[in-house]
Structure formats: C-alpha cells, structure tokens
Amino acid sequence: MSSYTEWNKTKVALSRLKNSIGWDFNNPYYNGIPVINRNSTVLGRVSLGEHPRGAIYVDPNSPYLHDLAEKVIDMSMEDGKINKGKILSSTYDIVKKVLPEKDIKKVESIYDYYDVMGDGLISLDVFLENGVGVCTQHTLTSAAILEILKNYGVIKGHPNVNRNSDYIGGKKYGHAWCRYTNSAGQVFILDSALGFKGSLEESIGGKWNYFRPDE
C-alpha cells in the first residue's frame, strides 16, 4: 500500500452535506439520525457517502439483521454452548452468503429505483432483501450483527465501521471494512467484500491497509 492513505470520508461527507447536518455537542445528525463514524455504534445510525449516494440507515429492529445474528449463534454452537471463538468467522461467512452479488452497478440501480442517489434515506434491509452489496453494505451488516450479539450478551467487544482511501497506481480507491476490538483489546478485521478475516497484524502485506493513522 502507498503512504497516501486518507481517513477523511466521514469528514468529507459532513462537509458536503453541511446544510443538512445538525449537531448535538460534537455528534452529527442527518435527518435527525446520528451519523456513523469509525468509533461509533451502527444500530439506529446512518452511513453517509463521501460522494452522493443513498444514506444507508441501519434499523436496530431489522428482522433481517436479528435473524442473521441468530444464525451466527447457531453456526457457533458446539456441544450445546456458544463457542465465542467462532463468532467472527461465522459472521464473516453469513455476510458473504447473504450478499453474494458484489456489483456496484446493481447497488446503484437500487439507489436509482428508490430515488435516493442524492443522499436520500434507504434501509440496509433493502440490500439484504436483494442479496446485493459492495464493501459498504458488507461492512454495515457485519458490524450490525456483532452489535446485536453484544446487546444479547454473547460478546463483549466493540464492532466499528472503518473506511479510508488509498492511491494505488496513481488512482484513488476507497474501501470499508468491519473492525472488531475484543474485550482484551485485540483488533480483528472482517472484510468479506475483499476476502480477508483475521487479526490486524495478520493483514500486513495484504490487499488493503486496515491500520488506523495512530497505529
């Protein structure tokens, strides 16, 4: 990876939509909904794009997401108990299964169909219904499942949506992934869109730079 990694996607989105953003102290809101950032939770929040697209809302009461969380639990059972060591890999596997079509044109066609390409609100559920999603949808789904499992008391760590941009071969590429920090402070990456799951250290030399600026 190059040394030109940029971590400013949320900042750019907030600046681009500044006339539609409200603030509660240092917390931004879009249409009254809190905005997702790299350190925030995701349930009940909205993901804004660096460039205009649908503003994706993660419904905390989504039957799709809660069903997926239950499936992750089922996939992680051993001898009648949840093997917590399987939770991350099960989450990774289920997201790949429910979002098999990583086709940006199909994602954009969904935005167009619902007339939200200009930052209109759209539920993450729509993409789950259609089985279509690129890195943004994969990441939001992974983080939402893990947050639900945390709310269930199954896990104790913190899932977040992380995203950045990098210049590869002189061209700018953006990407998003799920970062999970367990109760011991260990960082793991779930990137079902690019095909990586493992610890932050294991990602070195891989397809993407998942390290935050201060790491």
C-alpha atoms as a PDB file:
ATOM      1  CA  MET A   1       0.000   0.000   0.000  1.00  0.00           C
ATOM      2  CA  SER A   2       1.020   3.554  -0.608  1.00  0.00           C
ATOM      3  CA  SER A   3       1.797   6.146   2.042  1.00  0.00           C
ATOM      4  CA  TYR A   4      -1.098   8.321   0.856  1.00  0.00           C
ATOM      5  CA  THR A   5      -3.885   6.669   2.829  1.00  0.00           C
ATOM      6  CA  GLU A   6      -6.634   9.155   3.696  1.00  0.00           C
ATOM      7  CA  TRP A   7      -9.024   8.807   6.642  1.00  0.00           C
ATOM      8  CA  ASN A   8     -11.425  11.616   5.853  1.00  0.00           C
ATOM      9  CA  LYS A   9     -14.518  10.053   4.267  1.00  0.00           C
ATOM     10  CA  THR A  10     -16.918  10.963   7.083  1.00  0.00           C
ATOM     11  CA  LYS A  11     -15.425  14.442   7.365  1.00  0.00           C
ATOM     12  CA  VAL A  12     -15.886  14.988   3.617  1.00  0.00           C
ATOM     13  CA  ALA A  13     -19.473  13.713   3.780  1.00  0.00           C
ATOM     14  CA  LEU A  14     -20.325  16.029   6.667  1.00  0.00           C
ATOM     15  CA  SER A  15     -18.769  18.986   4.880  1.00  0.00           C
ATOM     16  CA  ARG A  16     -20.579  18.135   1.651  1.00  0.00           C
ATOM     17  CA  LEU A  17     -23.926  17.912   3.474  1.00  0.00           C
ATOM     18  CA  LYS A  18     -23.265  20.682   5.994  1.00  0.00           C
ATOM     19  CA  ASN A  19     -26.602  22.382   5.316  1.00  0.00           C
ATOM     20  CA  SER A  20     -28.428  19.156   6.239  1.00  0.00           C
ATOM     21  CA  ILE A  21     -26.332  18.241   9.283  1.00  0.00           C
ATOM     22  CA  GLY A  22     -27.431  19.020  12.814  1.00  0.00           C
ATOM     23  CA  TRP A  23     -25.189  18.842  15.846  1.00  0.00           C
ATOM     24  CA  ASP A  24     -25.665  17.747  19.438  1.00  0.00           C
ATOM     25  CA  PHE A  25     -22.427  18.903  21.021  1.00  0.00           C
ATOM     26  CA  ASN A  26     -19.849  17.117  18.792  1.00  0.00           C
ATOM     27  CA  ASN A  27     -22.278  14.487  17.479  1.00  0.00           C
ATOM     28  CA  PRO A  28     -23.559  14.976  13.906  1.00  0.00           C
ATOM     29  CA  TYR A  29     -27.110  14.100  12.874  1.00  0.00           C
ATOM     30  CA  TYR A  30     -28.575  13.687   9.395  1.00  0.00           C
ATOM     31  CA  ASN A  31     -32.362  14.000   9.174  1.00  0.00           C
ATOM     32  CA  GLY A  32     -32.415  13.601  12.929  1.00  0.00           C
ATOM     33  CA  ILE A  33     -30.442  10.344  12.791  1.00  0.00           C
ATOM     34  CA  PRO A  34     -26.944  10.059  14.310  1.00  0.00           C
ATOM     35  CA  VAL A  35     -24.164   9.559  11.772  1.00  0.00           C
ATOM     36  CA  ILE A  36     -21.878   6.528  11.794  1.00  0.00           C
ATOM     37  CA  ASN A  37     -18.166   7.188  12.242  1.00  0.00           C
ATOM     38  CA  ARG A  38     -15.137   4.981  12.845  1.00  0.00           C
ATOM     39  CA  ASN A  39     -15.629   4.909  16.619  1.00  0.00           C
ATOM     40  CA  SER A  40     -19.408   4.840  16.831  1.00  0.00           C
ATOM     41  CA  THR A  41     -22.014   2.135  17.088  1.00  0.00           C
ATOM     42  CA  VAL A  42     -24.056   1.404  13.953  1.00  0.00           C
ATOM     43  CA  LEU A  43     -27.568   0.376  15.042  1.00  0.00           C
ATOM     44  CA  GLY A  44     -30.023   3.237  14.693  1.00  0.00           C
ATOM     45  CA  ARG A  45     -27.480   5.290  12.769  1.00  0.00           C
ATOM     46  CA  VAL A  46     -26.936   6.336   9.162  1.00  0.00           C
ATOM     47  CA  SER A  47     -23.945   5.894   6.850  1.00  0.00           C
ATOM     48  CA  LEU A  48     -23.158   8.860   4.584  1.00  0.00           C
ATOM     49  CA  GLY A  49     -21.038   8.679   1.456  1.00  0.00           C
ATOM     50  CA  GLU A  50     -18.016  10.740   0.572  1.00  0.00           C
ATOM     51  CA  HIS A  51     -19.850  11.284  -2.717  1.00  0.00           C
ATOM     52  CA  PRO A  52     -23.653  11.419  -3.198  1.00  0.00           C
ATOM     53  CA  ARG A  53     -25.402   8.065  -2.826  1.00  0.00           C
ATOM     54  CA  GLY A  54     -28.146   6.645  -0.659  1.00  0.00           C
ATOM     55  CA  ALA A  55     -27.825   7.449   3.038  1.00  0.00           C
ATOM     56  CA  ILE A  56     -27.967   3.927   4.472  1.00  0.00           C
ATOM     57  CA  TYR A  57     -29.945   3.525   7.689  1.00  0.00           C
ATOM     58  CA  VAL A  58     -29.185   0.569   9.966  1.00  0.00           C
ATOM     59  CA  ASP A  59     -32.508  -0.313  11.576  1.00  0.00           C
ATOM     60  CA  PRO A  60     -31.966  -1.600  15.142  1.00  0.00           C
ATOM     61  CA  ASN A  61     -35.252  -3.536  14.867  1.00  0.00           C
ATOM     62  CA  SER A  62     -34.493  -5.074  11.475  1.00  0.00           C
ATOM     63  CA  PRO A  63     -35.855  -8.646  11.332  1.00  0.00           C
ATOM     64  CA  TYR A  64     -33.193  -9.435   8.728  1.00  0.00           C
ATOM     65  CA  LEU A  65     -30.306  -8.407  10.978  1.00  0.00           C
ATOM     66  CA  HIS A  66     -31.701 -10.128  14.054  1.00  0.00           C
ATOM     67  CA  ASP A  67     -32.284 -13.300  12.019  1.00  0.00           C
ATOM     68  CA  LEU A  68     -28.678 -13.178  10.825  1.00  0.00           C
ATOM     69  CA  ALA A  69     -27.459 -12.734  14.393  1.00  0.00           C
ATOM     70  CA  GLU A  70     -29.437 -15.822  15.419  1.00  0.00           C
ATOM     71  CA  LYS A  71     -27.922 -17.749  12.511  1.00  0.00           C
ATOM     72  CA  VAL A  72     -24.430 -16.726  13.621  1.00  0.00           C
ATOM     73  CA  ILE A  73     -25.232 -18.095  17.082  1.00  0.00           C
ATOM     74  CA  ASP A  74     -26.443 -21.367  15.545  1.00  0.00           C
ATOM     75  CA  MET A  75     -23.298 -21.627  13.420  1.00  0.00           C
ATOM     76  CA  SER A  76     -21.125 -21.063  16.502  1.00  0.00           C
ATOM     77  CA  MET A  77     -22.681 -23.736  18.712  1.00  0.00           C
ATOM     78  CA  GLU A  78     -20.583 -26.633  19.990  1.00  0.00           C
ATOM     79  CA  ASP A  79     -21.899 -29.254  22.405  1.00  0.00           C
ATOM     80  CA  GLY A  80     -24.872 -27.094  23.242  1.00  0.00           C
ATOM     81  CA  LYS A  81     -22.814 -23.990  24.022  1.00  0.00           C
ATOM     82  CA  ILE A  82     -21.742 -20.959  22.020  1.00  0.00           C
ATOM     83  CA  ASN A  83     -18.092 -21.148  21.029  1.00  0.00           C
ATOM     84  CA  LYS A  84     -17.251 -17.453  21.113  1.00  0.00           C
ATOM     85  CA  GLY A  85     -14.111 -18.174  19.117  1.00  0.00           C
ATOM     86  CA  LYS A  86     -16.348 -18.921  16.135  1.00  0.00           C
ATOM     87  CA  ILE A  87     -18.455 -15.762  16.261  1.00  0.00           C
ATOM     88  CA  LEU A  88     -16.265 -13.642  13.977  1.00  0.00           C
ATOM     89  CA  SER A  89     -15.744 -16.322  11.342  1.00  0.00           C
ATOM     90  CA  SER A  90     -19.458 -17.202  11.420  1.00  0.00           C
ATOM     91  CA  THR A  91     -20.348 -13.530  10.953  1.00  0.00           C
ATOM     92  CA  TYR A  92     -17.919 -13.276   8.040  1.00  0.00           C
ATOM     93  CA  ASP A  93     -19.359 -16.401   6.405  1.00  0.00           C
ATOM     94  CA  ILE A  94     -23.012 -15.396   6.808  1.00  0.00           C
ATOM     95  CA  VAL A  95     -22.434 -11.916   5.349  1.00  0.00           C
ATOM     96  CA  LYS A  96     -20.719 -13.400   2.294  1.00  0.00           C
ATOM     97  CA  LYS A  97     -23.678 -15.737   1.899  1.00  0.00           C
ATOM     98  CA  VAL A  98     -26.448 -13.136   2.167  1.00  0.00           C
ATOM     99  CA  LEU A  99     -24.698 -10.530  -0.021  1.00  0.00           C
ATOM    100  CA  PRO A 100     -23.345 -12.674  -2.873  1.00  0.00           C
ATOM    101  CA  GLU A 101     -23.594 -10.041  -5.597  1.00  0.00           C
ATOM    102  CA  LYS A 102     -20.773  -7.531  -5.175  1.00  0.00           C
ATOM    103  CA  ASP A 103     -21.898  -5.484  -8.145  1.00  0.00           C
ATOM    104  CA  ILE A 104     -21.670  -1.694  -7.876  1.00  0.00           C
ATOM    105  CA  LYS A 105     -23.977  -1.233 -10.871  1.00  0.00           C
ATOM    106  CA  LYS A 106     -26.686  -3.278  -9.138  1.00  0.00           C
ATOM    107  CA  VAL A 107     -26.157  -1.276  -5.957  1.00  0.00           C
ATOM    108  CA  GLU A 108     -26.565   1.945  -7.933  1.00  0.00           C
ATOM    109  CA  SER A 109     -29.672   0.568  -9.643  1.00  0.00           C
ATOM    110  CA  ILE A 110     -31.208   0.067  -6.178  1.00  0.00           C
ATOM    111  CA  TYR A 111     -30.369   3.660  -5.260  1.00  0.00           C
ATOM    112  CA  ASP A 112     -31.943   4.794  -8.530  1.00  0.00           C
ATOM    113  CA  TYR A 113     -35.050   2.636  -8.085  1.00  0.00           C
ATOM    114  CA  TYR A 114     -35.731   4.144  -4.670  1.00  0.00           C
ATOM    115  CA  ASP A 115     -34.698   7.613  -5.899  1.00  0.00           C
ATOM    116  CA  VAL A 116     -32.150   8.114  -3.124  1.00  0.00           C
ATOM    117  CA  MET A 117     -28.950   8.678  -5.093  1.00  0.00           C
ATOM    118  CA  GLY A 118     -28.944  12.273  -3.833  1.00  0.00           C
ATOM    119  CA  ASP A 119     -28.372  11.227  -0.214  1.00  0.00           C
ATOM    120  CA  GLY A 120     -31.942  10.086   0.395  1.00  0.00           C
ATOM    121  CA  LEU A 121     -32.516   7.627   3.225  1.00  0.00           C
ATOM    122  CA  ILE A 122     -32.583   3.916   2.425  1.00  0.00           C
ATOM    123  CA  SER A 123     -32.567   0.968   4.817  1.00  0.00           C
ATOM    124  CA  LEU A 124     -29.749  -1.559   4.827  1.00  0.00           C
ATOM    125  CA  ASP A 125     -32.573  -4.128   4.761  1.00  0.00           C
ATOM    126  CA  VAL A 126     -33.219  -3.327   1.096  1.00  0.00           C
ATOM    127  CA  PHE A 127     -29.789  -4.628   0.126  1.00  0.00           C
ATOM    128  CA  LEU A 128     -30.199  -7.713   2.290  1.00  0.00           C
ATOM    129  CA  GLU A 129     -33.538  -8.412   0.609  1.00  0.00           C
ATOM    130  CA  ASN A 130     -31.871  -8.235  -2.788  1.00  0.00           C
ATOM    131  CA  GLY A 131     -28.625 -10.008  -1.860  1.00  0.00           C
ATOM    132  CA  VAL A 132     -26.632  -7.131  -3.328  1.00  0.00           C
ATOM    133  CA  GLY A 133     -23.875  -5.099  -1.713  1.00  0.00           C
ATOM    134  CA  VAL A 134     -20.349  -3.839  -2.078  1.00  0.00           C
ATOM    135  CA  CYS A 135     -17.947  -3.076   0.767  1.00  0.00           C
ATOM    136  CA  THR A 136     -20.261  -0.552   2.453  1.00  0.00           C
ATOM    137  CA  GLN A 137     -23.177  -2.975   2.727  1.00  0.00           C
ATOM    138  CA  HIS A 138     -20.902  -5.858   3.755  1.00  0.00           C
ATOM    139  CA  THR A 139     -19.315  -3.745   6.466  1.00  0.00           C
ATOM    140  CA  LEU A 140     -22.542  -2.325   7.879  1.00  0.00           C
ATOM    141  CA  THR A 141     -24.085  -5.802   8.007  1.00  0.00           C
ATOM    142  CA  SER A 142     -21.070  -7.326   9.772  1.00  0.00           C
ATOM    143  CA  ALA A 143     -20.901  -4.542  12.354  1.00  0.00           C
ATOM    144  CA  ALA A 144     -24.660  -4.614  12.927  1.00  0.00           C
ATOM    145  CA  ILE A 145     -24.695  -8.377  13.527  1.00  0.00           C
ATOM    146  CA  LEU A 146     -21.850  -8.104  16.038  1.00  0.00           C
ATOM    147  CA  GLU A 147     -23.506  -5.182  17.792  1.00  0.00           C
ATOM    148  CA  ILE A 148     -26.730  -7.172  18.130  1.00  0.00           C
ATOM    149  CA  LEU A 149     -24.741 -10.076  19.570  1.00  0.00           C
ATOM    150  CA  LYS A 150     -23.131  -7.675  22.012  1.00  0.00           C
ATOM    151  CA  ASN A 151     -26.588  -6.460  23.031  1.00  0.00           C
ATOM    152  CA  TYR A 152     -27.594 -10.094  23.513  1.00  0.00           C
ATOM    153  CA  GLY A 153     -24.625 -10.516  25.864  1.00  0.00           C
ATOM    154  CA  VAL A 154     -22.936 -13.050  23.583  1.00  0.00           C
ATOM    155  CA  ILE A 155     -19.791 -10.963  23.064  1.00  0.00           C
ATOM    156  CA  LYS A 156     -18.232  -8.038  24.923  1.00  0.00           C
ATOM    157  CA  GLY A 157     -16.081  -6.351  22.283  1.00  0.00           C
ATOM    158  CA  HIS A 158     -16.687  -3.326  20.093  1.00  0.00           C
ATOM    159  CA  PRO A 159     -17.519  -3.557  16.360  1.00  0.00           C
ATOM    160  CA  ASN A 160     -16.955  -0.463  14.222  1.00  0.00           C
ATOM    161  CA  VAL A 161     -17.211   0.568  10.594  1.00  0.00           C
ATOM    162  CA  ASN A 162     -13.851   1.785   9.313  1.00  0.00           C
ATOM    163  CA  ARG A 163     -13.127   3.201   5.873  1.00  0.00           C
ATOM    164  CA  ASN A 164     -10.380   5.049   4.088  1.00  0.00           C
ATOM    165  CA  SER A 165      -8.943   5.824   0.665  1.00  0.00           C
ATOM    166  CA  ASP A 166      -5.621   4.862  -0.859  1.00  0.00           C
ATOM    167  CA  TYR A 167      -3.791   5.702  -4.064  1.00  0.00           C
ATOM    168  CA  ILE A 168      -2.777   2.612  -5.980  1.00  0.00           C
ATOM    169  CA  GLY A 169      -1.060   3.001  -9.322  1.00  0.00           C
ATOM    170  CA  GLY A 170      -1.898   6.694  -9.252  1.00  0.00           C
ATOM    171  CA  LYS A 171      -5.639   6.040  -8.886  1.00  0.00           C
ATOM    172  CA  LYS A 172      -7.703   6.707  -5.785  1.00  0.00           C
ATOM    173  CA  TYR A 173      -9.660   3.785  -4.333  1.00  0.00           C
ATOM    174  CA  GLY A 174     -11.990   3.822  -1.347  1.00  0.00           C
ATOM    175  CA  HIS A 175     -12.869   0.900   0.874  1.00  0.00           C
ATOM    176  CA  ALA A 176     -14.767  -0.009   4.059  1.00  0.00           C
ATOM    177  CA  TRP A 177     -14.485  -2.923   6.495  1.00  0.00           C
ATOM    178  CA  CYS A 178     -15.594  -4.062   9.932  1.00  0.00           C
ATOM    179  CA  ARG A 179     -13.115  -3.670  12.767  1.00  0.00           C
ATOM    180  CA  TYR A 180     -13.733  -5.618  15.959  1.00  0.00           C
ATOM    181  CA  THR A 181     -11.850  -4.938  19.185  1.00  0.00           C
ATOM    182  CA  ASN A 182     -12.363  -7.705  21.720  1.00  0.00           C
ATOM    183  CA  SER A 183     -12.529  -7.294  25.491  1.00  0.00           C
ATOM    184  CA  ALA A 184      -8.770  -7.902  25.711  1.00  0.00           C
ATOM    185  CA  GLY A 185      -8.041  -5.055  23.294  1.00  0.00           C
ATOM    186  CA  GLN A 186      -7.098  -7.294  20.347  1.00  0.00           C
ATOM    187  CA  VAL A 187      -8.145  -5.979  16.948  1.00  0.00           C
ATOM    188  CA  PHE A 188      -9.658  -8.184  14.254  1.00  0.00           C
ATOM    189  CA  ILE A 189     -10.730  -7.353  10.713  1.00  0.00           C
ATOM    190  CA  LEU A 190     -13.788  -8.708   8.909  1.00  0.00           C
ATOM    191  CA  ASP A 191     -13.674  -7.763   5.250  1.00  0.00           C
ATOM    192  CA  SER A 192     -15.998 -10.121   3.401  1.00  0.00           C
ATOM    193  CA  ALA A 193     -16.003  -7.840   0.355  1.00  0.00           C
ATOM    194  CA  LEU A 194     -12.249  -8.199  -0.231  1.00  0.00           C
ATOM    195  CA  GLY A 195     -11.971 -11.655   1.304  1.00  0.00           C
ATOM    196  CA  PHE A 196      -9.971 -11.100   4.486  1.00  0.00           C
ATOM    197  CA  LYS A 197     -10.666 -12.141   8.065  1.00  0.00           C
ATOM    198  CA  GLY A 198      -8.046 -12.196  10.769  1.00  0.00           C
ATOM    199  CA  SER A 199      -6.138 -10.066  13.228  1.00  0.00           C
ATOM    200  CA  LEU A 200      -4.919  -6.604  12.334  1.00  0.00           C
ATOM    201  CA  GLU A 201      -1.330  -7.878  12.378  1.00  0.00           C
ATOM    202  CA  GLU A 202      -2.188 -10.746  10.013  1.00  0.00           C
ATOM    203  CA  SER A 203      -3.402  -8.214   7.443  1.00  0.00           C
ATOM    204  CA  ILE A 204       0.082  -6.787   6.874  1.00  0.00           C
ATOM    205  CA  GLY A 205       1.081  -7.201   3.243  1.00  0.00           C
ATOM    206  CA  GLY A 206      -2.472  -7.981   2.192  1.00  0.00           C
ATOM    207  CA  LYS A 207      -4.869  -6.326  -0.240  1.00  0.00           C
ATOM    208  CA  TRP A 208      -5.678  -3.319   1.958  1.00  0.00           C
ATOM    209  CA  ASN A 209      -4.199  -1.151   4.708  1.00  0.00           C
ATOM    210  CA  TYR A 210      -6.525  -1.535   7.711  1.00  0.00           C
ATOM    211  CA  PHE A 211      -4.254   0.250  10.173  1.00  0.00           C
ATOM    212  CA  ARG A 212      -5.599   3.462  11.635  1.00  0.00           C
ATOM    213  CA  PRO A 213      -3.414   6.583  11.416  1.00  0.00           C
ATOM    214  CA  ASP A 214      -2.317   6.276  15.056  1.00  0.00           C
ATOM    215  CA  GLU A 215      -1.342   2.597  14.836  1.00  0.00           C
END
